[in-house]
Amino acid sequence: MKKSFVDRIIREGSVDTRKYRYIVRAVYTLTEQYGVIERLPLNYLDTTAALHGWETVARV
């Protein structure tokens, strides 16, 4: 992914493309905090597949 696209996802919180919805999510562990960018196919929206169908594509 291009840096400009990653920056857009971080700035806007979620971005829809033709095939996927991308979101940024915060992850907290006992030793560190970081963000991840995840994507979900648009045809999974409003279905039960949206609960666990997110794929992590980048760590920011």
PDB file of N, CA and C in Angstrom:
ATOM      1  N   MET A   1       0.833  -1.168   0.000  1.00  0.00           N
ATOM      2  CA  MET A   1       0.000   0.000   0.000  1.00  0.00           C
ATOM      3  C   MET A   1       0.882   1.236   0.000  1.00  0.00           C
ATOM      4  N   LYS A   2       0.440   2.226  -0.710  1.00  0.00           N
ATOM      5  CA  LYS A   2       1.171   3.483  -0.765  1.00  0.00           C
ATOM      6  C   LYS A   2       1.015   4.246   0.542  1.00  0.00           C
ATOM      7  N   LYS A   3       2.044   4.994   0.891  1.00  0.00           N
ATOM      8  CA  LYS A   3       2.014   5.778   2.120  1.00  0.00           C
ATOM      9  C   LYS A   3       0.867   6.781   2.108  1.00  0.00           C
ATOM     10  N   SER A   4       0.572   7.367   0.967  1.00  0.00           N
ATOM     11  CA  SER A   4      -0.524   8.342   0.897  1.00  0.00           C
ATOM     12  C   SER A   4      -1.868   7.681   1.205  1.00  0.00           C
ATOM     13  N   PHE A   5      -2.058   6.424   0.783  1.00  0.00           N
ATOM     14  CA  PHE A   5      -3.303   5.715   1.078  1.00  0.00           C
ATOM     15  C   PHE A   5      -3.391   5.361   2.562  1.00  0.00           C
ATOM     16  N   VAL A   6      -2.283   4.945   3.141  1.00  0.00           N
ATOM     17  CA  VAL A   6      -2.243   4.660   4.579  1.00  0.00           C
ATOM     18  C   VAL A   6      -2.553   5.923   5.366  1.00  0.00           C
ATOM     19  N   ASP A   7      -1.959   7.034   4.982  1.00  0.00           N
ATOM     20  CA  ASP A   7      -2.222   8.306   5.657  1.00  0.00           C
ATOM     21  C   ASP A   7      -3.691   8.700   5.552  1.00  0.00           C
ATOM     22  N   ARG A   8      -4.306   8.439   4.419  1.00  0.00           N
ATOM     23  CA  ARG A   8      -5.727   8.760   4.234  1.00  0.00           C
ATOM     24  C   ARG A   8      -6.596   7.918   5.159  1.00  0.00           C
ATOM     25  N   ILE A   9      -6.268   6.636   5.292  1.00  0.00           N
ATOM     26  CA  ILE A   9      -7.033   5.761   6.191  1.00  0.00           C
ATOM     27  C   ILE A   9      -6.896   6.236   7.631  1.00  0.00           C
ATOM     28  N   ILE A  10      -5.689   6.601   8.028  1.00  0.00           N
ATOM     29  CA  ILE A  10      -5.464   7.084   9.390  1.00  0.00           C
ATOM     30  C   ILE A  10      -6.218   8.388   9.621  1.00  0.00           C
ATOM     31  N   ARG A  11      -6.191   9.270   8.655  1.00  0.00           N
ATOM     32  CA  ARG A  11      -6.841  10.581   8.790  1.00  0.00           C
ATOM     33  C   ARG A  11      -8.362  10.451   8.836  1.00  0.00           C
ATOM     34  N   GLU A  12      -8.944   9.621   7.966  1.00  0.00           N
ATOM     35  CA  GLU A  12     -10.392   9.523   7.855  1.00  0.00           C
ATOM     36  C   GLU A  12     -11.011   8.433   8.740  1.00  0.00           C
ATOM     37  N   GLY A  13     -10.231   7.473   9.181  1.00  0.00           N
ATOM     38  CA  GLY A  13     -10.747   6.401  10.029  1.00  0.00           C
ATOM     39  C   GLY A  13     -11.216   5.181   9.259  1.00  0.00           C
ATOM     40  N   SER A  14     -11.883   5.400   8.129  1.00  0.00           N
ATOM     41  CA  SER A  14     -12.273   4.297   7.251  1.00  0.00           C
ATOM     42  C   SER A  14     -12.377   4.820   5.826  1.00  0.00           C
ATOM     43  N   VAL A  15     -12.020   3.956   4.880  1.00  0.00           N
ATOM     44  CA  VAL A  15     -12.035   4.318   3.465  1.00  0.00           C
ATOM     45  C   VAL A  15     -12.609   3.136   2.693  1.00  0.00           C
ATOM     46  N   ASP A  16     -13.569   3.404   1.808  1.00  0.00           N
ATOM     47  CA  ASP A  16     -14.129   2.376   0.930  1.00  0.00           C
ATOM     48  C   ASP A  16     -13.494   2.476  -0.447  1.00  0.00           C
ATOM     49  N   THR A  17     -13.099   1.323  -0.979  1.00  0.00           N
ATOM     50  CA  THR A  17     -12.628   1.232  -2.358  1.00  0.00           C
ATOM     51  C   THR A  17     -13.661   0.402  -3.122  1.00  0.00           C
ATOM     52  N   ARG A  18     -13.350   0.032  -4.344  1.00  0.00           N
ATOM     53  CA  ARG A  18     -14.307  -0.761  -5.115  1.00  0.00           C
ATOM     54  C   ARG A  18     -14.557  -2.130  -4.496  1.00  0.00           C
ATOM     55  N   LYS A  19     -13.547  -2.727  -3.858  1.00  0.00           N
ATOM     56  CA  LYS A  19     -13.684  -4.080  -3.345  1.00  0.00           C
ATOM     57  C   LYS A  19     -13.699  -4.185  -1.827  1.00  0.00           C
ATOM     58  N   TYR A  20     -13.052  -3.253  -1.118  1.00  0.00           N
ATOM     59  CA  TYR A  20     -12.844  -3.400   0.314  1.00  0.00           C
ATOM     60  C   TYR A  20     -13.205  -2.139   1.096  1.00  0.00           C
ATOM     61  N   ARG A  21     -13.487  -2.329   2.380  1.00  0.00           N
ATOM     62  CA  ARG A  21     -13.538  -1.232   3.345  1.00  0.00           C
ATOM     63  C   ARG A  21     -12.298  -1.384   4.226  1.00  0.00           C
ATOM     64  N   TYR A  22     -11.519  -0.328   4.335  1.00  0.00           N
ATOM     65  CA  TYR A  22     -10.322  -0.295   5.162  1.00  0.00           C
ATOM     66  C   TYR A  22     -10.603   0.542   6.395  1.00  0.00           C
ATOM     67  N   ILE A  23     -10.143   0.055   7.567  1.00  0.00           N
ATOM     68  CA  ILE A  23     -10.286   0.812   8.803  1.00  0.00           C
ATOM     69  C   ILE A  23      -8.962   0.791   9.553  1.00  0.00           C
ATOM     70  N   VAL A  24      -8.807   1.730  10.465  1.00  0.00           N
ATOM     71  CA  VAL A  24      -7.664   1.715  11.368  1.00  0.00           C
ATOM     72  C   VAL A  24      -8.200   1.384  12.755  1.00  0.00           C
ATOM     73  N   ARG A  25      -7.493   0.513  13.452  1.00  0.00           N
ATOM     74  CA  ARG A  25      -7.929   0.055  14.767  1.00  0.00           C
ATOM     75  C   ARG A  25      -6.738   0.078  15.723  1.00  0.00           C
ATOM     76  N   ALA A  26      -6.975   0.504  16.944  1.00  0.00           N
ATOM     77  CA  ALA A  26      -5.926   0.522  17.967  1.00  0.00           C
ATOM     78  C   ALA A  26      -5.853  -0.847  18.636  1.00  0.00           C
ATOM     79  N   VAL A  27      -4.620  -1.282  18.910  1.00  0.00           N
ATOM     80  CA  VAL A  27      -4.380  -2.557  19.588  1.00  0.00           C
ATOM     81  C   VAL A  27      -3.573  -2.265  20.836  1.00  0.00           C
ATOM     82  N   TYR A  28      -4.044  -2.775  21.956  1.00  0.00           N
ATOM     83  CA  TYR A  28      -3.355  -2.579  23.233  1.00  0.00           C
ATOM     84  C   TYR A  28      -2.980  -3.940  23.800  1.00  0.00           C
ATOM     85  N   THR A  29      -1.698  -4.092  24.138  1.00  0.00           N
ATOM     86  CA  THR A  29      -1.239  -5.290  24.822  1.00  0.00           C
ATOM     87  C   THR A  29      -0.633  -4.855  26.144  1.00  0.00           C
ATOM     88  N   LEU A  30      -0.150  -5.796  26.911  1.00  0.00           N
ATOM     89  CA  LEU A  30       0.465  -5.443  28.188  1.00  0.00           C
ATOM     90  C   LEU A  30       1.747  -4.649  28.020  1.00  0.00           C
ATOM     91  N   THR A  31       2.445  -4.846  26.913  1.00  0.00           N
ATOM     92  CA  THR A  31       3.753  -4.221  26.748  1.00  0.00           C
ATOM     93  C   THR A  31       3.806  -3.121  25.695  1.00  0.00           C
ATOM     94  N   GLU A  32       2.816  -3.027  24.818  1.00  0.00           N
ATOM     95  CA  GLU A  32       2.885  -2.024  23.756  1.00  0.00           C
ATOM     96  C   GLU A  32       1.504  -1.629  23.249  1.00  0.00           C
ATOM     97  N   GLN A  33       1.484  -0.522  22.517  1.00  0.00           N
ATOM     98  CA  GLN A  33       0.276  -0.030  21.854  1.00  0.00           C
ATOM     99  C   GLN A  33       0.641   0.279  20.410  1.00  0.00           C
ATOM    100  N   TYR A  34      -0.223  -0.078  19.490  1.00  0.00           N
ATOM    101  CA  TYR A  34       0.025   0.221  18.086  1.00  0.00           C
ATOM    102  C   TYR A  34      -1.301   0.191  17.338  1.00  0.00           C
ATOM    103  N   GLY A  35      -1.282   0.603  16.111  1.00  0.00           N
ATOM    104  CA  GLY A  35      -2.471   0.583  15.272  1.00  0.00           C
ATOM    105  C   GLY A  35      -2.310  -0.418  14.148  1.00  0.00           C
ATOM    106  N   VAL A  36      -3.411  -0.936  13.691  1.00  0.00           N
ATOM    107  CA  VAL A  36      -3.408  -1.836  12.540  1.00  0.00           C
ATOM    108  C   VAL A  36      -4.436  -1.346  11.541  1.00  0.00           C
ATOM    109  N   ILE A  37      -4.152  -1.591  10.283  1.00  0.00           N
ATOM    110  CA  ILE A  37      -5.115  -1.325   9.221  1.00  0.00           C
ATOM    111  C   ILE A  37      -5.680  -2.668   8.809  1.00  0.00           C
ATOM    112  N   GLU A  38      -7.019  -2.751   8.828  1.00  0.00           N
ATOM    113  CA  GLU A  38      -7.699  -3.984   8.471  1.00  0.00           C
ATOM    114  C   GLU A  38      -8.640  -3.721   7.306  1.00  0.00           C
ATOM    115  N   ARG A  39      -8.942  -4.779   6.560  1.00  0.00           N
ATOM    116  CA  ARG A  39      -9.869  -4.625   5.439  1.00  0.00           C
ATOM    117  C   ARG A  39     -10.902  -5.741   5.466  1.00  0.00           C
ATOM    118  N   LEU A  40     -12.053  -5.420   4.880  1.00  0.00           N
ATOM    119  CA  LEU A  40     -13.170  -6.345   4.790  1.00  0.00           C
ATOM    120  C   LEU A  40     -13.778  -6.195   3.411  1.00  0.00           C
ATOM    121  N   PRO A  41     -14.050  -7.300   2.710  1.00  0.00           N
ATOM    122  CA  PRO A  41     -14.732  -7.178   1.417  1.00  0.00           C
ATOM    123  C   PRO A  41     -16.085  -6.494   1.591  1.00  0.00           C
ATOM    124  N   LEU A  42     -16.428  -5.615   0.676  1.00  0.00           N
ATOM    125  CA  LEU A  42     -17.674  -4.853   0.788  1.00  0.00           C
ATOM    126  C   LEU A  42     -18.912  -5.747   0.799  1.00  0.00           C
ATOM    127  N   ASN A  43     -18.856  -6.898   0.146  1.00  0.00           N
ATOM    128  CA  ASN A  43     -20.029  -7.773   0.136  1.00  0.00           C
ATOM    129  C   ASN A  43     -20.242  -8.459   1.488  1.00  0.00           C
ATOM    130  N   TYR A  44     -19.296  -8.334   2.434  1.00  0.00           N
ATOM    131  CA  TYR A  44     -19.458  -8.872   3.788  1.00  0.00           C
ATOM    132  C   TYR A  44     -20.172  -7.886   4.712  1.00  0.00           C
ATOM    133  N   LEU A  45     -20.291  -6.629   4.300  1.00  0.00           N
ATOM    134  CA  LEU A  45     -20.944  -5.645   5.155  1.00  0.00           C
ATOM    135  C   LEU A  45     -22.393  -6.046   5.414  1.00  0.00           C
ATOM    136  N   ASP A  46     -22.869  -5.771   6.616  1.00  0.00           N
ATOM    137  CA  ASP A  46     -24.242  -6.078   7.030  1.00  0.00           C
ATOM    138  C   ASP A  46     -24.547  -7.571   7.034  1.00  0.00           C
ATOM    139  N   THR A  47     -23.515  -8.393   7.225  1.00  0.00           N
ATOM    140  CA  THR A  47     -23.706  -9.832   7.379  1.00  0.00           C
ATOM    141  C   THR A  47     -22.950 -10.272   8.627  1.00  0.00           C
ATOM    142  N   THR A  48     -23.163 -11.494   9.040  1.00  0.00           N
ATOM    143  CA  THR A  48     -22.422 -11.996  10.198  1.00  0.00           C
ATOM    144  C   THR A  48     -20.948 -12.219   9.877  1.00  0.00           C
ATOM    145  N   ALA A  49     -20.595 -12.310   8.613  1.00  0.00           N
ATOM    146  CA  ALA A  49     -19.191 -12.456   8.224  1.00  0.00           C
ATOM    147  C   ALA A  49     -18.383 -11.210   8.582  1.00  0.00           C
ATOM    148  N   ALA A  50     -19.058 -10.086   8.748  1.00  0.00           N
ATOM    149  CA  ALA A  50     -18.366  -8.847   9.102  1.00  0.00           C
ATOM    150  C   ALA A  50     -17.846  -8.880  10.531  1.00  0.00           C
ATOM    151  N   LEU A  51     -18.324  -9.787  11.345  1.00  0.00           N
ATOM    152  CA  LEU A  51     -17.860  -9.863  12.729  1.00  0.00           C
ATOM    153  C   LEU A  51     -16.425 -10.365  12.820  1.00  0.00           C
ATOM    154  N   HIS A  52     -16.075 -11.345  12.001  1.00  0.00           N
ATOM    155  CA  HIS A  52     -14.754 -11.961  12.104  1.00  0.00           C
ATOM    156  C   HIS A  52     -14.015 -12.032  10.777  1.00  0.00           C
ATOM    157  N   GLY A  53     -14.496 -11.355   9.762  1.00  0.00           N
ATOM    158  CA  GLY A  53     -13.895 -11.449   8.442  1.00  0.00           C
ATOM    159  C   GLY A  53     -12.825 -10.413   8.146  1.00  0.00           C
ATOM    160  N   TRP A  54     -12.444  -9.600   9.145  1.00  0.00           N
ATOM    161  CA  TRP A  54     -11.452  -8.554   8.916  1.00  0.00           C
ATOM    162  C   TRP A  54     -10.062  -9.154   8.770  1.00  0.00           C
ATOM    163  N   GLU A  55      -9.329  -8.675   7.794  1.00  0.00           N
ATOM    164  CA  GLU A  55      -7.971  -9.132   7.509  1.00  0.00           C
ATOM    165  C   GLU A  55      -7.004  -7.993   7.811  1.00  0.00           C
ATOM    166  N   THR A  56      -5.982  -8.252   8.616  1.00  0.00           N
ATOM    167  CA  THR A  56      -4.976  -7.238   8.921  1.00  0.00           C
ATOM    168  C   THR A  56      -4.025  -7.121   7.743  1.00  0.00           C
ATOM    169  N   VAL A  57      -3.824  -5.880   7.253  1.00  0.00           N
ATOM    170  CA  VAL A  57      -2.971  -5.682   6.088  1.00  0.00           C
ATOM    171  C   VAL A  57      -1.735  -4.836   6.386  1.00  0.00           C
ATOM    172  N   ALA A  58      -1.749  -4.083   7.494  1.00  0.00           N
ATOM    173  CA  ALA A  58      -0.583  -3.263   7.829  1.00  0.00           C
ATOM    174  C   ALA A  58      -0.603  -2.922   9.303  1.00  0.00           C
ATOM    175  N   ARG A  59       0.582  -2.729   9.836  1.00  0.00           N
ATOM    176  CA  ARG A  59       0.738  -2.265  11.215  1.00  0.00           C
ATOM    177  C   ARG A  59       1.315  -0.853  11.166  1.00  0.00           C
ATOM    178  N   VAL A  60       0.663   0.063  11.851  1.00  0.00           N
ATOM    179  CA  VAL A  60       1.118   1.465  11.810  1.00  0.00           C
ATOM    180  C   VAL A  60       1.402   1.982  13.195  1.00  0.00           C
TER     181      VAL A  60
END
